[in-house]
Amino acid sequence: MRNSEAEYLLRSELLSAWWNKQEADAIDRAVYAKPDDDLTRAHCAIRVQILRDLRTDLRLYAEGKAAAPGDAGA
């Protein structure tokens, strides 16, 4: 079952550190963007949302609350 794979990924220190860095970097880029650079801020906000959504999906897969891609019923 894929929920054990999702649990493994969520427990990975390397992946967690990467995830946190990606999110922090996107937030910093948005904060320090030029005042008129709405496009950069929008892209950074989308990136943060995608990272958070992916992490949420992994948690749902790990908890068995959602079927992971490739699982029956997905």
PDB file of N, CA and C in Angstrom:
ATOM      1  N   MET A   1       0.824  -1.186   0.000  1.00  0.00           N
ATOM      2  CA  MET A   1       0.000   0.000   0.000  1.00  0.00           C
ATOM      3  C   MET A   1       0.871   1.253   0.000  1.00  0.00           C
ATOM      4  N   ARG A   2       0.396   2.295  -0.640  1.00  0.00           N
ATOM      5  CA  ARG A   2       1.194   3.505  -0.804  1.00  0.00           C
ATOM      6  C   ARG A   2       1.205   4.403   0.427  1.00  0.00           C
ATOM      7  N   ASN A   3       0.331   4.169   1.403  1.00  0.00           N
ATOM      8  CA  ASN A   3       0.367   5.062   2.555  1.00  0.00           C
ATOM      9  C   ASN A   3       1.664   4.888   3.335  1.00  0.00           C
ATOM     10  N   SER A   4       2.270   3.703   3.313  1.00  0.00           N
ATOM     11  CA  SER A   4       3.559   3.531   3.989  1.00  0.00           C
ATOM     12  C   SER A   4       4.653   4.311   3.253  1.00  0.00           C
ATOM     13  N   GLU A   5       4.554   4.407   1.934  1.00  0.00           N
ATOM     14  CA  GLU A   5       5.505   5.220   1.172  1.00  0.00           C
ATOM     15  C   GLU A   5       5.342   6.700   1.513  1.00  0.00           C
ATOM     16  N   ALA A   6       4.104   7.147   1.646  1.00  0.00           N
ATOM     17  CA  ALA A   6       3.848   8.542   2.018  1.00  0.00           C
ATOM     18  C   ALA A   6       4.377   8.821   3.426  1.00  0.00           C
ATOM     19  N   GLU A   7       4.182   7.904   4.333  1.00  0.00           N
ATOM     20  CA  GLU A   7       4.711   8.065   5.695  1.00  0.00           C
ATOM     21  C   GLU A   7       6.229   8.179   5.667  1.00  0.00           C
ATOM     22  N   TYR A   8       6.867   7.338   4.875  1.00  0.00           N
ATOM     23  CA  TYR A   8       8.316   7.370   4.741  1.00  0.00           C
ATOM     24  C   TYR A   8       8.784   8.747   4.258  1.00  0.00           C
ATOM     25  N   LEU A   9       8.119   9.274   3.239  1.00  0.00           N
ATOM     26  CA  LEU A   9       8.492  10.582   2.707  1.00  0.00           C
ATOM     27  C   LEU A   9       8.284  11.683   3.742  1.00  0.00           C
ATOM     28  N   LEU A  10       7.200  11.615   4.480  1.00  0.00           N
ATOM     29  CA  LEU A  10       6.941  12.635   5.502  1.00  0.00           C
ATOM     30  C   LEU A  10       7.960  12.582   6.632  1.00  0.00           C
ATOM     31  N   ARG A  11       8.504  11.406   6.917  1.00  0.00           N
ATOM     32  CA  ARG A  11       9.500  11.263   7.991  1.00  0.00           C
ATOM     33  C   ARG A  11      10.916  11.583   7.525  1.00  0.00           C
ATOM     34  N   SER A  12      11.120  11.727   6.235  1.00  0.00           N
ATOM     35  CA  SER A  12      12.455  11.986   5.695  1.00  0.00           C
ATOM     36  C   SER A  12      12.946  13.369   6.128  1.00  0.00           C
ATOM     37  N   GLU A  13      14.055  13.382   6.861  1.00  0.00           N
ATOM     38  CA  GLU A  13      14.633  14.654   7.300  1.00  0.00           C
ATOM     39  C   GLU A  13      15.132  15.474   6.117  1.00  0.00           C
ATOM     40  N   LEU A  14      15.707  14.795   5.134  1.00  0.00           N
ATOM     41  CA  LEU A  14      16.203  15.494   3.952  1.00  0.00           C
ATOM     42  C   LEU A  14      15.049  16.159   3.199  1.00  0.00           C
ATOM     43  N   LEU A  15      14.002  15.418   2.954  1.00  0.00           N
ATOM     44  CA  LEU A  15      12.860  15.975   2.235  1.00  0.00           C
ATOM     45  C   LEU A  15      12.203  17.104   3.029  1.00  0.00           C
ATOM     46  N   SER A  16      12.081  16.920   4.321  1.00  0.00           N
ATOM     47  CA  SER A  16      11.486  17.956   5.168  1.00  0.00           C
ATOM     48  C   SER A  16      12.313  19.242   5.131  1.00  0.00           C
ATOM     49  N   ALA A  17      13.635  19.107   5.221  1.00  0.00           N
ATOM     50  CA  ALA A  17      14.510  20.280   5.168  1.00  0.00           C
ATOM     51  C   ALA A  17      14.396  20.972   3.811  1.00  0.00           C
ATOM     52  N   TRP A  18      14.353  20.168   2.724  1.00  0.00           N
ATOM     53  CA  TRP A  18      14.210  20.742   1.385  1.00  0.00           C
ATOM     54  C   TRP A  18      12.890  21.491   1.265  1.00  0.00           C
ATOM     55  N   TRP A  19      11.823  20.837   1.738  1.00  0.00           N
ATOM     56  CA  TRP A  19      10.495  21.426   1.650  1.00  0.00           C
ATOM     57  C   TRP A  19      10.456  22.772   2.381  1.00  0.00           C
ATOM     58  N   ASN A  20      10.975  22.775   3.613  1.00  0.00           N
ATOM     59  CA  ASN A  20      10.980  23.997   4.418  1.00  0.00           C
ATOM     60  C   ASN A  20      11.799  25.099   3.758  1.00  0.00           C
ATOM     61  N   LYS A  21      12.942  24.726   3.170  1.00  0.00           N
ATOM     62  CA  LYS A  21      13.777  25.728   2.496  1.00  0.00           C
ATOM     63  C   LYS A  21      13.081  26.294   1.270  1.00  0.00           C
ATOM     64  N   GLN A  22      12.451  25.443   0.489  1.00  0.00           N
ATOM     65  CA  GLN A  22      11.740  25.922  -0.697  1.00  0.00           C
ATOM     66  C   GLN A  22      10.648  26.920  -0.319  1.00  0.00           C
ATOM     67  N   GLU A  23       9.896  26.577   0.731  1.00  0.00           N
ATOM     68  CA  GLU A  23       8.820  27.467   1.165  1.00  0.00           C
ATOM     69  C   GLU A  23       9.379  28.777   1.706  1.00  0.00           C
ATOM     70  N   ALA A  24      10.408  28.707   2.543  1.00  0.00           N
ATOM     71  CA  ALA A  24      11.007  29.920   3.116  1.00  0.00           C
ATOM     72  C   ALA A  24      11.603  30.804   2.023  1.00  0.00           C
ATOM     73  N   ASP A  25      12.270  30.183   1.038  1.00  0.00           N
ATOM     74  CA  ASP A  25      12.853  30.962  -0.057  1.00  0.00           C
ATOM     75  C   ASP A  25      11.775  31.674  -0.869  1.00  0.00           C
ATOM     76  N   ALA A  26      10.676  31.005  -1.139  1.00  0.00           N
ATOM     77  CA  ALA A  26       9.584  31.625  -1.904  1.00  0.00           C
ATOM     78  C   ALA A  26       8.972  32.787  -1.122  1.00  0.00           C
ATOM     79  N   ILE A  27       8.808  32.596   0.176  1.00  0.00           N
ATOM     80  CA  ILE A  27       8.259  33.683   1.006  1.00  0.00           C
ATOM     81  C   ILE A  27       9.217  34.864   1.029  1.00  0.00           C
ATOM     82  N   ASP A  28      10.518  34.597   1.193  1.00  0.00           N
ATOM     83  CA  ASP A  28      11.506  35.680   1.189  1.00  0.00           C
ATOM     84  C   ASP A  28      11.505  36.430  -0.137  1.00  0.00           C
ATOM     85  N   ARG A  29      11.455  35.685  -1.252  1.00  0.00           N
ATOM     86  CA  ARG A  29      11.413  36.350  -2.565  1.00  0.00           C
ATOM     87  C   ARG A  29      10.190  37.245  -2.686  1.00  0.00           C
ATOM     88  N   ALA A  30       9.074  36.793  -2.160  1.00  0.00           N
ATOM     89  CA  ALA A  30       7.856  37.611  -2.233  1.00  0.00           C
ATOM     90  C   ALA A  30       7.992  38.859  -1.368  1.00  0.00           C
ATOM     91  N   VAL A  31       8.517  38.688  -0.183  1.00  0.00           N
ATOM     92  CA  VAL A  31       8.656  39.823   0.746  1.00  0.00           C
ATOM     93  C   VAL A  31       9.624  40.866   0.201  1.00  0.00           C
ATOM     94  N   TYR A  32      10.723  40.406  -0.404  1.00  0.00           N
ATOM     95  CA  TYR A  32      11.752  41.333  -0.857  1.00  0.00           C
ATOM     96  C   TYR A  32      11.630  41.720  -2.329  1.00  0.00           C
ATOM     97  N   ALA A  33      10.556  41.347  -2.964  1.00  0.00           N
ATOM     98  CA  ALA A  33      10.330  41.766  -4.351  1.00  0.00           C
ATOM     99  C   ALA A  33      10.137  43.280  -4.391  1.00  0.00           C
ATOM    100  N   LYS A  34      10.483  43.864  -5.507  1.00  0.00           N
ATOM    101  CA  LYS A  34      10.285  45.301  -5.672  1.00  0.00           C
ATOM    102  C   LYS A  34       8.809  45.627  -5.478  1.00  0.00           C
ATOM    103  N   PRO A  35       8.515  46.806  -4.974  1.00  0.00           N
ATOM    104  CA  PRO A  35       7.113  47.163  -4.693  1.00  0.00           C
ATOM    105  C   PRO A  35       6.173  47.019  -5.888  1.00  0.00           C
ATOM    106  N   ASP A  36       6.692  47.209  -7.098  1.00  0.00           N
ATOM    107  CA  ASP A  36       5.829  47.117  -8.281  1.00  0.00           C
ATOM    108  C   ASP A  36       5.903  45.741  -8.964  1.00  0.00           C
ATOM    109  N   ASP A  37       6.558  44.768  -8.334  1.00  0.00           N
ATOM    110  CA  ASP A  37       6.736  43.450  -8.940  1.00  0.00           C
ATOM    111  C   ASP A  37       5.658  42.466  -8.459  1.00  0.00           C
ATOM    112  N   ASP A  38       4.448  42.732  -8.885  1.00  0.00           N
ATOM    113  CA  ASP A  38       3.326  41.884  -8.491  1.00  0.00           C
ATOM    114  C   ASP A  38       3.444  40.468  -9.060  1.00  0.00           C
ATOM    115  N   LEU A  39       4.041  40.332 -10.225  1.00  0.00           N
ATOM    116  CA  LEU A  39       4.172  39.021 -10.856  1.00  0.00           C
ATOM    117  C   LEU A  39       5.055  38.087 -10.010  1.00  0.00           C
ATOM    118  N   THR A  40       6.164  38.601  -9.527  1.00  0.00           N
ATOM    119  CA  THR A  40       7.037  37.786  -8.678  1.00  0.00           C
ATOM    120  C   THR A  40       6.305  37.365  -7.411  1.00  0.00           C
ATOM    121  N   ARG A  41       5.619  38.297  -6.777  1.00  0.00           N
ATOM    122  CA  ARG A  41       4.875  37.965  -5.559  1.00  0.00           C
ATOM    123  C   ARG A  41       3.798  36.922  -5.838  1.00  0.00           C
ATOM    124  N   ALA A  42       3.123  37.049  -6.959  1.00  0.00           N
ATOM    125  CA  ALA A  42       2.082  36.077  -7.306  1.00  0.00           C
ATOM    126  C   ALA A  42       2.689  34.696  -7.540  1.00  0.00           C
ATOM    127  N   HIS A  43       3.793  34.637  -8.276  1.00  0.00           N
ATOM    128  CA  HIS A  43       4.454  33.346  -8.527  1.00  0.00           C
ATOM    129  C   HIS A  43       4.921  32.708  -7.226  1.00  0.00           C
ATOM    130  N   CYS A  44       5.474  33.510  -6.337  1.00  0.00           N
ATOM    131  CA  CYS A  44       5.941  32.991  -5.049  1.00  0.00           C
ATOM    132  C   CYS A  44       4.773  32.478  -4.211  1.00  0.00           C
ATOM    133  N   ALA A  45       3.676  33.198  -4.215  1.00  0.00           N
ATOM    134  CA  ALA A  45       2.499  32.766  -3.452  1.00  0.00           C
ATOM    135  C   ALA A  45       1.966  31.441  -4.001  1.00  0.00           C
ATOM    136  N   ILE A  46       1.949  31.313  -5.318  1.00  0.00           N
ATOM    137  CA  ILE A  46       1.496  30.061  -5.937  1.00  0.00           C
ATOM    138  C   ILE A  46       2.431  28.920  -5.562  1.00  0.00           C
ATOM    139  N   ARG A  47       3.740  29.175  -5.585  1.00  0.00           N
ATOM    140  CA  ARG A  47       4.719  28.143  -5.223  1.00  0.00           C
ATOM    141  C   ARG A  47       4.500  27.664  -3.790  1.00  0.00           C
ATOM    142  N   VAL A  48       4.301  28.605  -2.862  1.00  0.00           N
ATOM    143  CA  VAL A  48       4.065  28.239  -1.463  1.00  0.00           C
ATOM    144  C   VAL A  48       2.798  27.398  -1.357  1.00  0.00           C
ATOM    145  N   GLN A  49       1.752  27.800  -2.047  1.00  0.00           N
ATOM    146  CA  GLN A  49       0.496  27.052  -1.980  1.00  0.00           C
ATOM    147  C   GLN A  49       0.656  25.642  -2.536  1.00  0.00           C
ATOM    148  N   ILE A  50       1.384  25.509  -3.623  1.00  0.00           N
ATOM    149  CA  ILE A  50       1.619  24.180  -4.206  1.00  0.00           C
ATOM    150  C   ILE A  50       2.395  23.300  -3.230  1.00  0.00           C
ATOM    151  N   LEU A  51       3.457  23.844  -2.637  1.00  0.00           N
ATOM    152  CA  LEU A  51       4.237  23.074  -1.665  1.00  0.00           C
ATOM    153  C   LEU A  51       3.368  22.618  -0.496  1.00  0.00           C
ATOM    154  N   ARG A  52       2.534  23.524   0.003  1.00  0.00           N
ATOM    155  CA  ARG A  52       1.658  23.179   1.127  1.00  0.00           C
ATOM    156  C   ARG A  52       0.610  22.151   0.717  1.00  0.00           C
ATOM    157  N   ASP A  53       0.069  22.290  -0.475  1.00  0.00           N
ATOM    158  CA  ASP A  53      -0.925  21.325  -0.955  1.00  0.00           C
ATOM    159  C   ASP A  53      -0.315  19.930  -1.121  1.00  0.00           C
ATOM    160  N   LEU A  54       0.894  19.874  -1.653  1.00  0.00           N
ATOM    161  CA  LEU A  54       1.558  18.583  -1.822  1.00  0.00           C
ATOM    162  C   LEU A  54       1.821  17.916  -0.470  1.00  0.00           C
ATOM    163  N   ARG A  55       2.259  18.706   0.497  1.00  0.00           N
ATOM    164  CA  ARG A  55       2.513  18.152   1.830  1.00  0.00           C
ATOM    165  C   ARG A  55       1.208  17.653   2.459  1.00  0.00           C
ATOM    166  N   THR A  56       0.137  18.402   2.263  1.00  0.00           N
ATOM    167  CA  THR A  56      -1.172  17.983   2.775  1.00  0.00           C
ATOM    168  C   THR A  56      -1.605  16.684   2.108  1.00  0.00           C
ATOM    169  N   ASP A  57      -1.422  16.590   0.785  1.00  0.00           N
ATOM    170  CA  ASP A  57      -1.768  15.353   0.074  1.00  0.00           C
ATOM    171  C   ASP A  57      -0.997  14.168   0.639  1.00  0.00           C
ATOM    172  N   LEU A  58       0.300  14.336   0.874  1.00  0.00           N
ATOM    173  CA  LEU A  58       1.088  13.247   1.443  1.00  0.00           C
ATOM    174  C   LEU A  58       0.555  12.828   2.811  1.00  0.00           C
ATOM    175  N   ARG A  59       0.186  13.817   3.639  1.00  0.00           N
ATOM    176  CA  ARG A  59      -0.370  13.491   4.954  1.00  0.00           C
ATOM    177  C   ARG A  59      -1.678  12.709   4.819  1.00  0.00           C
ATOM    178  N   LEU A  60      -2.527  13.120   3.894  1.00  0.00           N
ATOM    179  CA  LEU A  60      -3.786  12.414   3.686  1.00  0.00           C
ATOM    180  C   LEU A  60      -3.543  10.992   3.198  1.00  0.00           C
ATOM    181  N   TYR A  61      -2.580  10.815   2.292  1.00  0.00           N
ATOM    182  CA  TYR A  61      -2.240   9.471   1.827  1.00  0.00           C
ATOM    183  C   TYR A  61      -1.723   8.624   2.983  1.00  0.00           C
ATOM    184  N   ALA A  62      -0.828   9.216   3.788  1.00  0.00           N
ATOM    185  CA  ALA A  62      -0.232   8.482   4.906  1.00  0.00           C
ATOM    186  C   ALA A  62      -1.287   8.059   5.924  1.00  0.00           C
ATOM    187  N   GLU A  63      -2.296   8.906   6.144  1.00  0.00           N
ATOM    188  CA  GLU A  63      -3.347   8.625   7.117  1.00  0.00           C
ATOM    189  C   GLU A  63      -4.448   7.748   6.532  1.00  0.00           C
ATOM    190  N   GLY A  64      -4.361   7.434   5.240  1.00  0.00           N
ATOM    191  CA  GLY A  64      -5.376   6.621   4.596  1.00  0.00           C
ATOM    192  C   GLY A  64      -6.683   7.362   4.359  1.00  0.00           C
ATOM    193  N   LYS A  65      -6.634   8.687   4.393  1.00  0.00           N
ATOM    194  CA  LYS A  65      -7.832   9.499   4.195  1.00  0.00           C
ATOM    195  C   LYS A  65      -8.056   9.857   2.725  1.00  0.00           C
ATOM    196  N   ALA A  66      -7.090   9.501   1.897  1.00  0.00           N
ATOM    197  CA  ALA A  66      -7.202   9.720   0.454  1.00  0.00           C
ATOM    198  C   ALA A  66      -6.432   8.614  -0.246  1.00  0.00           C
ATOM    199  N   ALA A  67      -6.883   8.254  -1.416  1.00  0.00           N
ATOM    200  CA  ALA A  67      -6.191   7.227  -2.193  1.00  0.00           C
ATOM    201  C   ALA A  67      -5.075   7.889  -2.984  1.00  0.00           C
ATOM    202  N   ALA A  68      -3.882   7.355  -2.817  1.00  0.00           N
ATOM    203  CA  ALA A  68      -2.735   7.873  -3.562  1.00  0.00           C
ATOM    204  C   ALA A  68      -2.854   7.477  -5.025  1.00  0.00           C
ATOM    205  N   PRO A  69      -2.248   8.241  -5.929  1.00  0.00           N
ATOM    206  CA  PRO A  69      -2.251   7.863  -7.335  1.00  0.00           C
ATOM    207  C   PRO A  69      -1.723   6.445  -7.510  1.00  0.00           C
ATOM    208  N   GLY A  70      -2.421   5.655  -8.263  1.00  0.00           N
ATOM    209  CA  GLY A  70      -2.037   4.257  -8.475  1.00  0.00           C
ATOM    210  C   GLY A  70      -2.712   3.291  -7.536  1.00  0.00           C
ATOM    211  N   ASP A  71      -3.276   3.797  -6.442  1.00  0.00           N
ATOM    212  CA  ASP A  71      -4.030   2.940  -5.536  1.00  0.00           C
ATOM    213  C   ASP A  71      -5.423   2.700  -6.111  1.00  0.00           C
ATOM    214  N   ALA A  72      -6.031   1.627  -5.735  1.00  0.00           N
ATOM    215  CA  ALA A  72      -7.404   1.344  -6.188  1.00  0.00           C
ATOM    216  C   ALA A  72      -8.315   2.465  -5.713  1.00  0.00           C
ATOM    217  N   GLY A  73      -9.123   2.968  -6.599  1.00  0.00           N
ATOM    218  CA  GLY A  73     -10.076   4.015  -6.254  1.00  0.00           C
ATOM    219  C   GLY A  73      -9.531   5.398  -6.448  1.00  0.00           C
ATOM    220  N   ALA A  74      -8.272   5.556  -6.856  1.00  0.00           N
ATOM    221  CA  ALA A  74      -7.708   6.883  -7.063  1.00  0.00           C
ATOM    222  C   ALA A  74      -8.115   7.407  -8.422  1.00  0.00           C
TER     223      ALA A  74
END
